[in-house]
Amino acid sequence: MSGKLYIVPTPIGNLDDITIRAQKVLKDVELILAEDTRKTAILLRHFSIENRMISHHLHNEHQTVNSVIEKLLSGMKIALVSDAGTPSISDPGFLIVRECIKNDIEVETLPGAVAFVPALVNSGLPSERFCFEGFLPPKKGRQKRLLQLKDENRTMIFYESPHRLYKALEQLAEIFGLDRRASVSRELTKIYEENRRGTISELLIHFKDKNIKGEIVIIIEGKD
């Protein structure tokens, strides 16, 4: 009989956000696929979980997926985790889930942390309809994608790295206008969590010349 793949969300900052069920799965499986084994080791030690890990990330998943499928077909129970949040949401995960489905291997996805949900709720912007864009393409592709979203009337969600935040806000202002309402969330669930709301113009003023740390979620109001 085939084994089973568990998709296990991990905390986005505060380790206490891990679920009891996630801890149980990580203890019970025979192997953990980790985006960064060093970061996952910190989580496992915190909860006294001793289990074998191998590296499975964006740059090697195409090389490792076949061997993982073979292990699953042999009957192994395997968990997939990313550095933070839910695998496959702007993180590796889609490829292995697709291959499991092709091979009739059971996949069980646990509910849990994902950064954009608290950021969206905290923004105070409409949350009944939204589009998740994740990380924008690099360089020229960014401008093209933003232009495609110029007339989007749903709330828009973007991920961004801290060193590109100000440049991203400048690009958003160029496409959506300085008066468009927005929110920037960083260090979510951590001691220095910040949720800054206002127009894009106000956010540019606030974050100018600041040394920004932590992963960023930007929420943009849809076109009225």
Protein backbone atom coordinates (compact mmCIF):
# COMPACT_ATOMS: atom_id res chain seq x y z
CA MET A 1 0.00 0.00 0.00
CA SER A 2 1.10 3.56 -0.69
CA GLY A 3 2.13 5.84 2.12
CA LYS A 4 0.78 9.30 2.76
CA LEU A 5 1.98 12.86 2.32
CA TYR A 6 1.09 15.38 5.02
CA ILE A 7 1.24 19.10 4.23
CA VAL A 8 2.04 20.70 7.59
CA PRO A 9 1.87 24.47 8.17
CA THR A 10 4.43 25.86 10.61
CA PRO A 11 4.37 29.12 12.61
CA ILE A 12 5.17 32.34 10.76
CA GLY A 13 6.92 33.73 13.83
CA ASN A 14 5.52 32.80 17.21
CA LEU A 15 6.28 29.12 17.78
CA ASP A 16 3.24 28.78 20.05
CA ASP A 17 1.03 29.08 16.95
CA ILE A 18 1.76 25.51 15.88
CA THR A 19 -1.26 23.25 16.27
CA ILE A 20 -1.38 20.14 18.46
CA ARG A 21 -2.25 18.13 15.37
CA ALA A 22 0.80 19.44 13.49
CA GLN A 23 3.06 18.41 16.38
CA LYS A 24 1.53 14.94 16.40
CA VAL A 25 2.03 14.47 12.66
CA LEU A 26 5.64 15.67 12.78
CA LYS A 27 6.34 13.15 15.56
CA ASP A 28 4.59 10.26 13.82
CA VAL A 29 5.87 10.48 10.24
CA GLU A 30 8.96 8.63 9.10
CA LEU A 31 10.50 11.54 7.20
CA ILE A 32 10.17 15.35 7.09
CA LEU A 33 10.83 17.30 3.89
CA ALA A 34 12.09 20.71 4.99
CA GLU A 35 12.68 23.84 2.94
CA ASP A 36 15.63 24.68 5.23
CA THR A 37 16.59 21.87 7.60
CA ARG A 38 18.42 24.31 9.91
CA LYS A 39 15.31 26.41 10.48
CA THR A 40 13.05 23.40 10.85
CA ALA A 41 15.51 21.89 13.35
CA ILE A 42 14.91 24.89 15.64
CA LEU A 43 11.16 24.21 15.55
CA LEU A 44 11.56 20.48 16.14
CA ARG A 45 13.93 20.99 19.08
CA HIS A 46 11.49 23.45 20.67
CA PHE A 47 8.82 20.75 20.74
CA SER A 48 11.18 17.85 21.49
CA ILE A 49 10.52 16.23 18.11
CA GLU A 50 13.25 13.90 16.92
CA ASN A 51 12.74 12.88 13.33
CA ARG A 52 14.77 12.50 10.18
CA MET A 53 14.78 15.40 7.74
CA ILE A 54 15.94 15.92 4.19
CA SER A 55 16.15 19.13 2.21
CA HIS A 56 13.31 19.84 -0.24
CA HIS A 57 13.21 23.37 -1.61
CA LEU A 58 12.62 25.47 -4.71
CA HIS A 59 16.06 24.79 -6.16
CA ASN A 60 16.12 20.99 -5.78
CA GLU A 61 12.48 19.85 -5.80
CA HIS A 62 12.59 18.80 -9.46
CA GLN A 63 15.60 16.58 -8.68
CA THR A 64 14.19 15.09 -5.45
CA VAL A 65 10.49 14.67 -6.25
CA ASN A 66 10.86 11.27 -7.94
CA SER A 67 12.75 9.74 -5.02
CA VAL A 68 10.14 11.13 -2.61
CA ILE A 69 7.35 9.58 -4.70
CA GLU A 70 9.17 6.23 -4.61
CA LYS A 71 9.37 6.43 -0.82
CA LEU A 72 5.66 7.21 -0.61
CA LEU A 73 4.79 4.35 -2.97
CA SER A 74 6.79 2.00 -0.74
CA GLY A 75 4.51 2.90 2.17
CA MET A 76 6.31 5.71 3.97
CA LYS A 77 4.48 8.51 5.75
CA ILE A 78 6.14 11.82 4.94
CA ALA A 79 5.51 15.41 6.07
CA LEU A 80 6.29 18.50 4.01
CA VAL A 81 7.03 21.79 5.78
CA SER A 82 8.28 25.17 4.62
CA ASP A 83 10.32 27.65 6.66
CA ALA A 84 7.13 29.38 7.81
CA GLY A 85 3.45 29.17 6.96
CA THR A 86 1.69 26.75 4.66
CA PRO A 87 3.67 24.88 1.97
CA SER A 88 2.70 25.72 -1.63
CA ILE A 89 1.62 29.27 -0.73
CA SER A 90 4.58 31.17 -2.26
CA ASP A 91 6.68 28.19 -1.14
CA PRO A 92 7.51 24.73 -2.54
CA GLY A 93 4.67 22.21 -2.42
CA PHE A 94 2.65 22.33 -5.62
CA LEU A 95 4.97 20.00 -7.56
CA ILE A 96 5.00 17.17 -5.04
CA VAL A 97 1.25 17.38 -4.42
CA ARG A 98 0.62 17.17 -8.17
CA GLU A 99 2.87 14.11 -8.48
CA CYS A 100 1.16 12.44 -5.52
CA ILE A 101 -2.22 12.92 -7.18
CA LYS A 102 -0.87 11.46 -10.43
CA ASN A 103 0.32 8.38 -8.51
CA ASP A 104 -2.85 7.95 -6.40
CA ILE A 105 -0.95 8.76 -3.21
CA GLU A 106 -3.08 10.19 -0.44
CA VAL A 107 -2.39 13.82 0.50
CA GLU A 108 -3.63 15.32 3.75
CA THR A 109 -3.30 19.07 4.24
CA LEU A 110 -3.47 20.38 7.78
CA PRO A 111 -4.95 23.83 8.44
CA GLY A 112 -2.64 26.38 10.00
CA ALA A 113 -0.62 29.55 9.71
CA VAL A 114 -0.40 31.62 6.53
CA ALA A 115 0.89 35.19 6.63
CA PHE A 116 -1.60 36.93 4.36
CA VAL A 117 -4.72 36.09 6.41
CA PRO A 118 -3.86 38.09 9.56
CA ALA A 119 -2.41 40.86 7.38
CA LEU A 120 -5.64 41.07 5.35
CA VAL A 121 -7.87 41.12 8.42
CA ASN A 122 -5.65 43.70 10.15
CA SER A 123 -5.67 46.00 7.12
CA GLY A 124 -9.24 47.11 7.61
CA LEU A 125 -9.75 46.80 3.83
CA PRO A 126 -12.58 44.71 2.33
CA SER A 127 -11.82 41.03 2.84
CA GLU A 128 -14.88 39.25 1.45
CA ARG A 129 -13.30 39.23 -2.04
CA PHE A 130 -9.56 39.43 -2.68
CA CYS A 131 -6.81 38.27 -5.02
CA PHE A 132 -3.54 36.85 -3.75
CA GLU A 133 -0.56 37.76 -5.95
CA GLY A 134 2.29 36.55 -3.74
CA PHE A 135 5.72 37.83 -4.77
CA LEU A 136 5.73 40.01 -7.88
CA PRO A 137 8.02 38.98 -10.75
CA PRO A 138 11.49 40.52 -10.72
CA LYS A 139 12.57 43.50 -12.82
CA LYS A 140 10.51 44.22 -15.94
CA GLY A 141 7.91 41.60 -15.12
CA ARG A 142 6.81 43.59 -12.06
CA GLN A 143 5.63 46.57 -14.09
CA LYS A 144 3.77 44.36 -16.54
CA ARG A 145 1.97 42.46 -13.79
CA LEU A 146 0.97 45.63 -11.93
CA LEU A 147 -0.41 47.14 -15.12
CA GLN A 148 -2.57 44.03 -15.55
CA LEU A 149 -3.97 44.69 -12.06
CA LYS A 150 -4.63 48.40 -12.62
CA ASP A 151 -8.41 47.93 -12.87
CA GLU A 152 -8.70 45.11 -10.30
CA ASN A 153 -11.60 45.93 -7.95
CA ARG A 154 -10.86 43.26 -5.36
CA THR A 155 -8.45 43.81 -2.47
CA MET A 156 -4.95 42.79 -3.62
CA ILE A 157 -2.34 40.95 -1.54
CA PHE A 158 1.40 40.99 -2.22
CA TYR A 159 4.43 39.52 -0.48
CA GLU A 160 7.65 41.54 -0.50
CA SER A 161 11.15 41.36 0.93
CA PRO A 162 12.13 44.08 3.43
CA HIS A 163 14.90 45.59 1.31
CA ARG A 164 12.50 46.10 -1.62
CA LEU A 165 9.56 47.48 0.34
CA TYR A 166 10.08 51.17 -0.42
CA LYS A 167 10.70 50.55 -4.12
CA ALA A 168 7.58 48.38 -4.23
CA LEU A 169 5.49 51.15 -2.65
CA GLU A 170 6.83 53.60 -5.25
CA GLN A 171 5.79 51.23 -8.04
CA LEU A 172 2.37 50.70 -6.48
CA ALA A 173 1.90 54.47 -6.22
CA GLU A 174 2.78 54.84 -9.90
CA ILE A 175 0.16 52.31 -11.00
CA PHE A 176 -2.63 52.73 -8.42
CA GLY A 177 -2.12 56.34 -7.33
CA LEU A 178 -0.82 57.94 -4.14
CA ASP A 179 -4.30 58.17 -2.62
CA ARG A 180 -5.10 54.44 -2.85
CA ARG A 181 -5.60 52.95 0.63
CA ALA A 182 -3.15 50.26 1.66
CA SER A 183 -1.59 48.43 4.58
CA VAL A 184 1.89 47.06 5.28
CA SER A 185 2.33 44.24 7.80
CA ARG A 186 5.70 42.94 8.97
CA GLU A 187 7.08 40.69 11.71
CA LEU A 188 3.62 39.11 12.04
CA THR A 189 3.05 37.24 15.34
CA LYS A 190 6.46 38.41 16.65
CA ILE A 191 7.22 40.85 19.45
CA TYR A 192 7.84 43.76 17.05
CA GLU A 193 4.82 43.14 14.82
CA GLU A 194 3.78 46.23 12.88
CA ASN A 195 0.60 46.86 10.89
CA ARG A 196 0.76 50.28 9.22
CA ARG A 197 -2.35 51.54 7.44
CA GLY A 198 -3.05 54.62 5.30
CA THR A 199 -2.75 55.84 1.75
CA ILE A 200 0.23 54.71 -0.30
CA SER A 201 1.52 58.28 0.04
CA GLU A 202 1.38 58.05 3.84
CA LEU A 203 3.11 54.67 3.80
CA LEU A 204 5.91 56.06 1.64
CA ILE A 205 6.47 58.83 4.18
CA HIS A 206 6.44 56.39 7.11
CA PHE A 207 8.88 53.86 5.64
CA LYS A 208 11.29 56.33 4.00
CA ASP A 209 14.89 55.81 5.16
CA LYS A 210 13.86 53.14 7.68
CA ASN A 211 15.85 49.95 8.22
CA ILE A 212 13.08 47.43 7.60
CA LYS A 213 13.29 43.87 8.91
CA GLY A 214 11.03 40.86 8.56
CA GLU A 215 8.95 39.52 5.72
CA ILE A 216 6.37 41.94 4.35
CA VAL A 217 2.71 41.61 3.37
CA ILE A 218 1.25 44.54 1.42
CA ILE A 219 -2.51 44.90 1.11
CA ILE A 220 -3.88 47.26 -1.56
CA GLU A 221 -7.46 48.50 -1.87
CA GLY A 222 -9.18 47.52 -5.11
CA LYS A 223 -10.30 50.08 -7.65
CA ASP A 224 -13.50 51.84 -6.64
